[in-house]
Amino acid sequence: MLEIKNLSVGYGAITALHGISLSVTAGSIVTLIGSNGAGKTTTLKTISGLLKPKAGEIIYDGKNISGLPPHEIVARGLSHVPEGRMIFANLTVLENLQMGAYLVRDKKIARRELEFVFATFPRLQEREAQVAGTLSGGEQQMLAIGRALMSQPKFLMLDEPSLGLAPLLVKTIFEKIVEINRERGLTILLVEQNANRALEVSSFGYVLETGNITLSGDSASLRQNPEVKSAYLGG
């Protein structure tokens, strides 16, 4: 469903991605793990059109989307939940979710998506009139994911969904990621520093180091890889 070919991205004279290649099959959860500054967020921003590649191709659903503006990429069914959640803090929960459906013209479809989000995250329905900036960190993460789901995505990118959350909420968020994947058949590309959790819920993984893919394979094998254990799994 997604194939990246020899993607290079830079910030001025600094190259952040050095010709990386990866693929994500339809219906799967694939994870991209690595340390801070490895290029994980840069990868997602480039896929979603927030950054322009220096070279390479991003093939999504059979078409090259490299260089397309973000709103056109969203319209093609690809949604991005950014690092740090980036909710609209001064709007209510409901207003944030409605913003996620700004490209959905059919009100019945928008209502159906809202019902799915509320069924997935009942806490959001309880707080739909609450100003989003007053939510807890975990609730804000639920809202960020819910807002992305409102656009009817076929492909969902999640950037550090567990960042700053208490262990119990981390467990809940990852359970919801798996639930969304199973119930919707939604393809997910997961960027996560919590490598152990990410490899538990994904079927395939890539290790990104200083802008290069250094390892890849099925997630179960990566969890047993001595290099991955030493660098990312605390052992």
C-alpha atoms as a PDB file:
ATOM      1  CA  MET A   1       0.000   0.000   0.000  1.00  0.00           C
ATOM      2  CA  LEU A   2       2.954   2.285   0.713  1.00  0.00           C
ATOM      3  CA  GLU A   3       6.409   1.995  -0.783  1.00  0.00           C
ATOM      4  CA  ILE A   4       9.239   4.416  -0.177  1.00  0.00           C
ATOM      5  CA  LYS A   5      12.092   4.239  -2.663  1.00  0.00           C
ATOM      6  CA  ASN A   6      15.503   5.817  -2.014  1.00  0.00           C
ATOM      7  CA  LEU A   7      14.033   8.743  -0.073  1.00  0.00           C
ATOM      8  CA  SER A   8      16.405  11.562   0.833  1.00  0.00           C
ATOM      9  CA  VAL A   9      15.265  14.553   2.894  1.00  0.00           C
ATOM     10  CA  GLY A  10      17.213  17.482   4.283  1.00  0.00           C
ATOM     11  CA  TYR A  11      16.941  20.610   6.363  1.00  0.00           C
ATOM     12  CA  GLY A  12      19.042  23.115   4.466  1.00  0.00           C
ATOM     13  CA  ALA A  13      22.543  21.673   4.122  1.00  0.00           C
ATOM     14  CA  ILE A  14      21.832  18.911   6.650  1.00  0.00           C
ATOM     15  CA  THR A  15      20.603  15.598   5.246  1.00  0.00           C
ATOM     16  CA  ALA A  16      18.183  13.865   7.626  1.00  0.00           C
ATOM     17  CA  LEU A  17      17.315  10.805   5.502  1.00  0.00           C
ATOM     18  CA  HIS A  18      19.912   9.129   3.316  1.00  0.00           C
ATOM     19  CA  GLY A  19      18.055   7.281   0.564  1.00  0.00           C
ATOM     20  CA  ILE A  20      15.860   5.061   2.744  1.00  0.00           C
ATOM     21  CA  SER A  21      13.502   2.437   1.334  1.00  0.00           C
ATOM     22  CA  LEU A  22      10.640   0.672   3.104  1.00  0.00           C
ATOM     23  CA  SER A  23       7.214  -0.777   2.385  1.00  0.00           C
ATOM     24  CA  VAL A  24       3.953  -1.236   4.258  1.00  0.00           C
ATOM     25  CA  THR A  25       1.466  -3.860   3.063  1.00  0.00           C
ATOM     26  CA  ALA A  26      -2.270  -3.191   3.209  1.00  0.00           C
ATOM     27  CA  GLY A  27      -3.939  -4.106   6.507  1.00  0.00           C
ATOM     28  CA  SER A  28      -0.692  -4.446   8.451  1.00  0.00           C
ATOM     29  CA  ILE A  29       0.902  -2.623  11.368  1.00  0.00           C
ATOM     30  CA  VAL A  30       4.508  -1.742  10.588  1.00  0.00           C
ATOM     31  CA  THR A  31       6.757   0.014  13.071  1.00  0.00           C
ATOM     32  CA  LEU A  32       9.714   2.308  12.600  1.00  0.00           C
ATOM     33  CA  ILE A  33      11.941   2.395  15.683  1.00  0.00           C
ATOM     34  CA  GLY A  34      15.075   4.340  16.485  1.00  0.00           C
ATOM     35  CA  SER A  35      16.606   6.818  18.884  1.00  0.00           C
ATOM     36  CA  ASN A  36      15.973  10.568  19.037  1.00  0.00           C
ATOM     37  CA  GLY A  37      17.218  12.309  15.914  1.00  0.00           C
ATOM     38  CA  ALA A  38      17.242   9.133  13.809  1.00  0.00           C
ATOM     39  CA  GLY A  39      14.817  10.589  11.258  1.00  0.00           C
ATOM     40  CA  LYS A  40      11.571   8.890  12.260  1.00  0.00           C
ATOM     41  CA  THR A  41       9.462  12.050  12.475  1.00  0.00           C
ATOM     42  CA  THR A  42      11.083  13.395   9.317  1.00  0.00           C
ATOM     43  CA  THR A  43       9.965  10.255   7.499  1.00  0.00           C
ATOM     44  CA  LEU A  44       6.327  10.705   8.524  1.00  0.00           C
ATOM     45  CA  LYS A  45       6.324  14.433   7.793  1.00  0.00           C
ATOM     46  CA  THR A  46       7.657  13.767   4.306  1.00  0.00           C
ATOM     47  CA  ILE A  47       5.058  11.082   3.599  1.00  0.00           C
ATOM     48  CA  SER A  48       2.266  13.429   4.696  1.00  0.00           C
ATOM     49  CA  GLY A  49       3.571  16.325   2.576  1.00  0.00           C
ATOM     50  CA  LEU A  50       4.815  18.580   5.366  1.00  0.00           C
ATOM     51  CA  LEU A  51       8.382  18.226   4.080  1.00  0.00           C
ATOM     52  CA  LYS A  52       9.568  17.977   0.484  1.00  0.00           C
ATOM     53  CA  PRO A  53      12.013  15.208  -0.444  1.00  0.00           C
ATOM     54  CA  LYS A  54      15.347  15.955  -2.090  1.00  0.00           C
ATOM     55  CA  ALA A  55      15.200  12.670  -3.965  1.00  0.00           C
ATOM     56  CA  GLY A  56      13.271   9.423  -4.110  1.00  0.00           C
ATOM     57  CA  GLU A  57       9.653   8.381  -4.451  1.00  0.00           C
ATOM     58  CA  ILE A  58       6.714   7.831  -2.117  1.00  0.00           C
ATOM     59  CA  ILE A  59       4.285   5.442  -3.779  1.00  0.00           C
ATOM     60  CA  TYR A  60       0.919   5.306  -2.014  1.00  0.00           C
ATOM     61  CA  ASP A  61      -1.911   3.185  -3.368  1.00  0.00           C
ATOM     62  CA  GLY A  62      -0.056   2.826  -6.661  1.00  0.00           C
ATOM     63  CA  LYS A  63       0.610   6.534  -7.214  1.00  0.00           C
ATOM     64  CA  ASN A  64       3.596   8.760  -6.520  1.00  0.00           C
ATOM     65  CA  ILE A  65       2.530  11.314  -3.911  1.00  0.00           C
ATOM     66  CA  SER A  66       5.967  12.920  -3.452  1.00  0.00           C
ATOM     67  CA  GLY A  67       5.578  16.680  -3.265  1.00  0.00           C
ATOM     68  CA  LEU A  68       1.787  16.763  -3.088  1.00  0.00           C
ATOM     69  CA  PRO A  69       0.336  19.260  -0.575  1.00  0.00           C
ATOM     70  CA  PRO A  70      -0.860  17.766   2.734  1.00  0.00           C
ATOM     71  CA  HIS A  71      -4.593  18.311   2.119  1.00  0.00           C
ATOM     72  CA  GLU A  72      -4.435  16.333  -1.121  1.00  0.00           C
ATOM     73  CA  ILE A  73      -2.650  13.493   0.650  1.00  0.00           C
ATOM     74  CA  VAL A  74      -5.313  13.435   3.381  1.00  0.00           C
ATOM     75  CA  ALA A  75      -7.986  13.365   0.669  1.00  0.00           C
ATOM     76  CA  ARG A  76      -6.365  10.200  -0.704  1.00  0.00           C
ATOM     77  CA  GLY A  77      -6.938   8.450   2.629  1.00  0.00           C
ATOM     78  CA  LEU A  78      -3.671   8.987   4.477  1.00  0.00           C
ATOM     79  CA  SER A  79      -3.851  10.564   7.958  1.00  0.00           C
ATOM     80  CA  HIS A  80      -1.033  11.601  10.277  1.00  0.00           C
ATOM     81  CA  VAL A  81      -1.205  11.829  14.090  1.00  0.00           C
ATOM     82  CA  PRO A  82       1.784  14.067  14.861  1.00  0.00           C
ATOM     83  CA  GLU A  83       4.218  13.839  17.741  1.00  0.00           C
ATOM     84  CA  GLY A  84       3.016  15.933  20.663  1.00  0.00           C
ATOM     85  CA  ARG A  85      -0.641  15.425  19.659  1.00  0.00           C
ATOM     86  CA  MET A  86      -1.077  18.992  18.258  1.00  0.00           C
ATOM     87  CA  ILE A  87      -4.753  19.254  19.170  1.00  0.00           C
ATOM     88  CA  PHE A  88      -6.617  22.557  18.975  1.00  0.00           C
ATOM     89  CA  ALA A  89      -6.364  23.406  22.664  1.00  0.00           C
ATOM     90  CA  ASN A  90      -8.963  26.191  22.666  1.00  0.00           C
ATOM     91  CA  LEU A  91     -11.634  24.146  20.900  1.00  0.00           C
ATOM     92  CA  THR A  92     -13.863  21.535  22.512  1.00  0.00           C
ATOM     93  CA  VAL A  93     -13.381  17.821  22.034  1.00  0.00           C
ATOM     94  CA  LEU A  94     -16.298  17.725  19.600  1.00  0.00           C
ATOM     95  CA  GLU A  95     -14.990  20.701  17.630  1.00  0.00           C
ATOM     96  CA  ASN A  96     -11.573  19.040  17.319  1.00  0.00           C
ATOM     97  CA  LEU A  97     -13.199  15.909  15.947  1.00  0.00           C
ATOM     98  CA  GLN A  98     -15.308  17.921  13.528  1.00  0.00           C
ATOM     99  CA  MET A  99     -12.129  19.601  12.272  1.00  0.00           C
ATOM    100  CA  GLY A 100     -10.817  16.143  11.422  1.00  0.00           C
ATOM    101  CA  ALA A 101     -13.808  15.633   9.115  1.00  0.00           C
ATOM    102  CA  TYR A 102     -13.364  18.889   7.168  1.00  0.00           C
ATOM    103  CA  LEU A 103     -12.976  16.976   3.876  1.00  0.00           C
ATOM    104  CA  VAL A 104     -16.001  14.738   4.527  1.00  0.00           C
ATOM    105  CA  ARG A 105     -18.933  16.344   2.716  1.00  0.00           C
ATOM    106  CA  ASP A 106     -21.602  13.778   3.625  1.00  0.00           C
ATOM    107  CA  LYS A 107     -22.983  14.570   7.087  1.00  0.00           C
ATOM    108  CA  LYS A 108     -24.235  11.012   7.546  1.00  0.00           C
ATOM    109  CA  ILE A 109     -20.734   9.652   6.970  1.00  0.00           C
ATOM    110  CA  ALA A 110     -19.261  12.238   9.341  1.00  0.00           C
ATOM    111  CA  ARG A 111     -21.782  11.209  11.999  1.00  0.00           C
ATOM    112  CA  ARG A 112     -20.962   7.532  11.470  1.00  0.00           C
ATOM    113  CA  GLU A 113     -17.253   8.256  11.896  1.00  0.00           C
ATOM    114  CA  LEU A 114     -17.971  10.233  15.051  1.00  0.00           C
ATOM    115  CA  GLU A 115     -19.933   7.314  16.473  1.00  0.00           C
ATOM    116  CA  PHE A 116     -17.017   4.986  15.703  1.00  0.00           C
ATOM    117  CA  VAL A 117     -14.578   7.327  17.463  1.00  0.00           C
ATOM    118  CA  PHE A 118     -16.839   7.571  20.509  1.00  0.00           C
ATOM    119  CA  ALA A 119     -17.244   3.785  20.576  1.00  0.00           C
ATOM    120  CA  THR A 120     -13.474   3.354  20.401  1.00  0.00           C
ATOM    121  CA  PHE A 121     -12.724   6.092  22.949  1.00  0.00           C
ATOM    122  CA  PRO A 122     -15.765   6.404  25.268  1.00  0.00           C
ATOM    123  CA  ARG A 123     -13.866   8.957  27.360  1.00  0.00           C
ATOM    124  CA  LEU A 124     -14.097  11.411  24.469  1.00  0.00           C
ATOM    125  CA  GLN A 125     -17.874  11.151  24.359  1.00  0.00           C
ATOM    126  CA  GLU A 126     -18.000  11.824  28.097  1.00  0.00           C
ATOM    127  CA  ARG A 127     -15.953  14.969  27.522  1.00  0.00           C
ATOM    128  CA  GLU A 128     -17.229  16.116  24.116  1.00  0.00           C
ATOM    129  CA  ALA A 129     -18.116  19.608  25.412  1.00  0.00           C
ATOM    130  CA  GLN A 130     -14.866  20.017  27.353  1.00  0.00           C
ATOM    131  CA  VAL A 131     -12.127  22.342  26.112  1.00  0.00           C
ATOM    132  CA  ALA A 132      -9.429  20.076  24.694  1.00  0.00           C
ATOM    133  CA  GLY A 133      -6.549  21.874  26.404  1.00  0.00           C
ATOM    134  CA  THR A 134      -7.907  20.840  29.802  1.00  0.00           C
ATOM    135  CA  LEU A 135      -7.811  17.097  29.007  1.00  0.00           C
ATOM    136  CA  SER A 136      -5.186  14.786  30.463  1.00  0.00           C
ATOM    137  CA  GLY A 137      -2.265  13.719  28.280  1.00  0.00           C
ATOM    138  CA  GLY A 138      -3.851  10.352  27.614  1.00  0.00           C
ATOM    139  CA  GLU A 139      -7.188  11.897  26.694  1.00  0.00           C
ATOM    140  CA  GLN A 140      -5.441  14.328  24.351  1.00  0.00           C
ATOM    141  CA  GLN A 141      -3.731  11.398  22.618  1.00  0.00           C
ATOM    142  CA  MET A 142      -7.089   9.672  22.225  1.00  0.00           C
ATOM    143  CA  LEU A 143      -8.434  12.904  20.750  1.00  0.00           C
ATOM    144  CA  ALA A 144      -5.537  13.226  18.305  1.00  0.00           C
ATOM    145  CA  ILE A 145      -6.113   9.675  17.057  1.00  0.00           C
ATOM    146  CA  GLY A 146      -9.874  10.213  16.951  1.00  0.00           C
ATOM    147  CA  ARG A 147      -9.461  13.409  14.931  1.00  0.00           C
ATOM    148  CA  ALA A 148      -7.350  11.517  12.373  1.00  0.00           C
ATOM    149  CA  LEU A 149      -9.973   8.770  12.146  1.00  0.00           C
ATOM    150  CA  MET A 150     -12.658  11.332  11.308  1.00  0.00           C
ATOM    151  CA  SER A 151     -11.167  11.816   7.830  1.00  0.00           C
ATOM    152  CA  GLN A 152     -11.975   8.193   6.895  1.00  0.00           C
ATOM    153  CA  PRO A 153      -8.348   7.155   6.416  1.00  0.00           C
ATOM    154  CA  LYS A 154      -7.192   3.951   4.790  1.00  0.00           C
ATOM    155  CA  PHE A 155      -3.664   4.496   6.089  1.00  0.00           C
ATOM    156  CA  LEU A 156      -2.852   5.918   9.524  1.00  0.00           C
ATOM    157  CA  MET A 157       0.543   7.204  10.661  1.00  0.00           C
ATOM    158  CA  LEU A 158       1.166   7.533  14.389  1.00  0.00           C
ATOM    159  CA  ASP A 159       4.164   9.472  15.699  1.00  0.00           C
ATOM    160  CA  GLU A 160       5.155   8.575  19.275  1.00  0.00           C
ATOM    161  CA  PRO A 161       1.622   7.891  20.591  1.00  0.00           C
ATOM    162  CA  SER A 162       2.949   6.784  23.998  1.00  0.00           C
ATOM    163  CA  LEU A 163       5.117   9.874  24.569  1.00  0.00           C
ATOM    164  CA  GLY A 164       4.713  11.271  28.076  1.00  0.00           C
ATOM    165  CA  LEU A 165       1.938   8.875  29.112  1.00  0.00           C
ATOM    166  CA  ALA A 166       1.677   6.821  32.298  1.00  0.00           C
ATOM    167  CA  PRO A 167       2.259   3.056  31.834  1.00  0.00           C
ATOM    168  CA  LEU A 168      -1.432   2.164  32.186  1.00  0.00           C
ATOM    169  CA  LEU A 169      -2.416   4.679  29.517  1.00  0.00           C
ATOM    170  CA  VAL A 170       0.377   3.444  27.256  1.00  0.00           C
ATOM    171  CA  LYS A 171      -1.144  -0.041  27.490  1.00  0.00           C
ATOM    172  CA  THR A 172      -4.591   1.364  26.644  1.00  0.00           C
ATOM    173  CA  ILE A 173      -3.349   3.342  23.635  1.00  0.00           C
ATOM    174  CA  PHE A 174      -1.576   0.328  22.143  1.00  0.00           C
ATOM    175  CA  GLU A 175      -4.632  -1.868  22.700  1.00  0.00           C
ATOM    176  CA  LYS A 176      -6.700   0.720  20.818  1.00  0.00           C
ATOM    177  CA  ILE A 177      -4.194   0.799  17.948  1.00  0.00           C
ATOM    178  CA  VAL A 178      -4.556  -2.970  17.546  1.00  0.00           C
ATOM    179  CA  GLU A 179      -8.357  -2.696  17.848  1.00  0.00           C
ATOM    180  CA  ILE A 180      -8.552  -0.028  15.122  1.00  0.00           C
ATOM    181  CA  ASN A 181      -6.348  -2.112  12.852  1.00  0.00           C
ATOM    182  CA  ARG A 182      -8.472  -5.223  13.324  1.00  0.00           C
ATOM    183  CA  GLU A 183     -11.929  -3.663  13.220  1.00  0.00           C
ATOM    184  CA  ARG A 184     -11.316  -1.282  10.332  1.00  0.00           C
ATOM    185  CA  GLY A 185      -8.606  -3.168   8.450  1.00  0.00           C
ATOM    186  CA  LEU A 186      -6.722   0.108   8.717  1.00  0.00           C
ATOM    187  CA  THR A 187      -3.085   0.037   7.632  1.00  0.00           C
ATOM    188  CA  ILE A 188      -0.836   1.613  10.284  1.00  0.00           C
ATOM    189  CA  LEU A 189       2.726   2.939  10.232  1.00  0.00           C
ATOM    190  CA  LEU A 190       3.824   3.382  13.833  1.00  0.00           C
ATOM    191  CA  VAL A 191       6.808   5.487  14.910  1.00  0.00           C
ATOM    192  CA  GLU A 192       7.650   4.766  18.522  1.00  0.00           C
ATOM    193  CA  GLN A 193      10.536   4.998  20.994  1.00  0.00           C
ATOM    194  CA  ASN A 194       8.876   2.355  23.166  1.00  0.00           C
ATOM    195  CA  ALA A 195      10.357  -0.305  20.907  1.00  0.00           C
ATOM    196  CA  ASN A 196       9.185  -3.246  22.979  1.00  0.00           C
ATOM    197  CA  ARG A 197       5.529  -2.208  22.776  1.00  0.00           C
ATOM    198  CA  ALA A 198       5.833  -1.276  19.114  1.00  0.00           C
ATOM    199  CA  LEU A 199       7.300  -4.653  18.176  1.00  0.00           C
ATOM    200  CA  GLU A 200       4.616  -6.432  20.229  1.00  0.00           C
ATOM    201  CA  VAL A 201       1.741  -4.948  18.222  1.00  0.00           C
ATOM    202  CA  SER A 202       3.339  -4.811  14.765  1.00  0.00           C
ATOM    203  CA  SER A 203       4.004  -7.541  12.237  1.00  0.00           C
ATOM    204  CA  PHE A 204       7.090  -6.003  10.653  1.00  0.00           C
ATOM    205  CA  GLY A 205       9.652  -3.437  11.711  1.00  0.00           C
ATOM    206  CA  TYR A 206      12.449  -1.195  10.506  1.00  0.00           C
ATOM    207  CA  VAL A 207      15.308   0.220  12.570  1.00  0.00           C
ATOM    208  CA  LEU A 208      16.315   3.747  11.602  1.00  0.00           C
ATOM    209  CA  GLU A 209      19.691   5.111  12.718  1.00  0.00           C
ATOM    210  CA  THR A 210      21.023   8.552  11.744  1.00  0.00           C
ATOM    211  CA  GLY A 211      18.889   8.648   8.629  1.00  0.00           C
ATOM    212  CA  ASN A 212      19.609   5.114   7.433  1.00  0.00           C
ATOM    213  CA  ILE A 213      17.612   1.876   7.650  1.00  0.00           C
ATOM    214  CA  THR A 214      20.062  -0.465   9.388  1.00  0.00           C
ATOM    215  CA  LEU A 215      17.828  -3.455  10.146  1.00  0.00           C
ATOM    216  CA  SER A 216      14.445  -4.766   9.052  1.00  0.00           C
ATOM    217  CA  GLY A 217      12.421  -7.934   9.488  1.00  0.00           C
ATOM    218  CA  ASP A 218       9.371  -9.443  11.101  1.00  0.00           C
ATOM    219  CA  SER A 219       8.775  -7.971  14.531  1.00  0.00           C
ATOM    220  CA  ALA A 220       9.197 -11.240  16.439  1.00  0.00           C
ATOM    221  CA  SER A 221      12.676 -11.701  14.951  1.00  0.00           C
ATOM    222  CA  LEU A 222      13.673  -8.113  15.676  1.00  0.00           C
ATOM    223  CA  ARG A 223      12.681  -8.556  19.327  1.00  0.00           C
ATOM    224  CA  GLN A 224      15.169 -11.421  19.529  1.00  0.00           C
ATOM    225  CA  ASN A 225      17.940  -9.627  17.641  1.00  0.00           C
ATOM    226  CA  PRO A 226      20.898  -8.965  19.984  1.00  0.00           C
ATOM    227  CA  GLU A 227      21.558  -5.523  18.484  1.00  0.00           C
ATOM    228  CA  VAL A 228      17.934  -4.449  18.892  1.00  0.00           C
ATOM    229  CA  LYS A 229      17.802  -5.871  22.424  1.00  0.00           C
ATOM    230  CA  SER A 230      20.936  -4.005  23.425  1.00  0.00           C
ATOM    231  CA  ALA A 231      20.037  -0.671  21.857  1.00  0.00           C
ATOM    232  CA  TYR A 232      16.260  -0.455  22.279  1.00  0.00           C
ATOM    233  CA  LEU A 233      14.869  -3.154  24.568  1.00  0.00           C
ATOM    234  CA  GLY A 234      17.016  -2.647  27.643  1.00  0.00           C
ATOM    235  CA  GLY A 235      18.916  -5.879  27.314  1.00  0.00           C
END
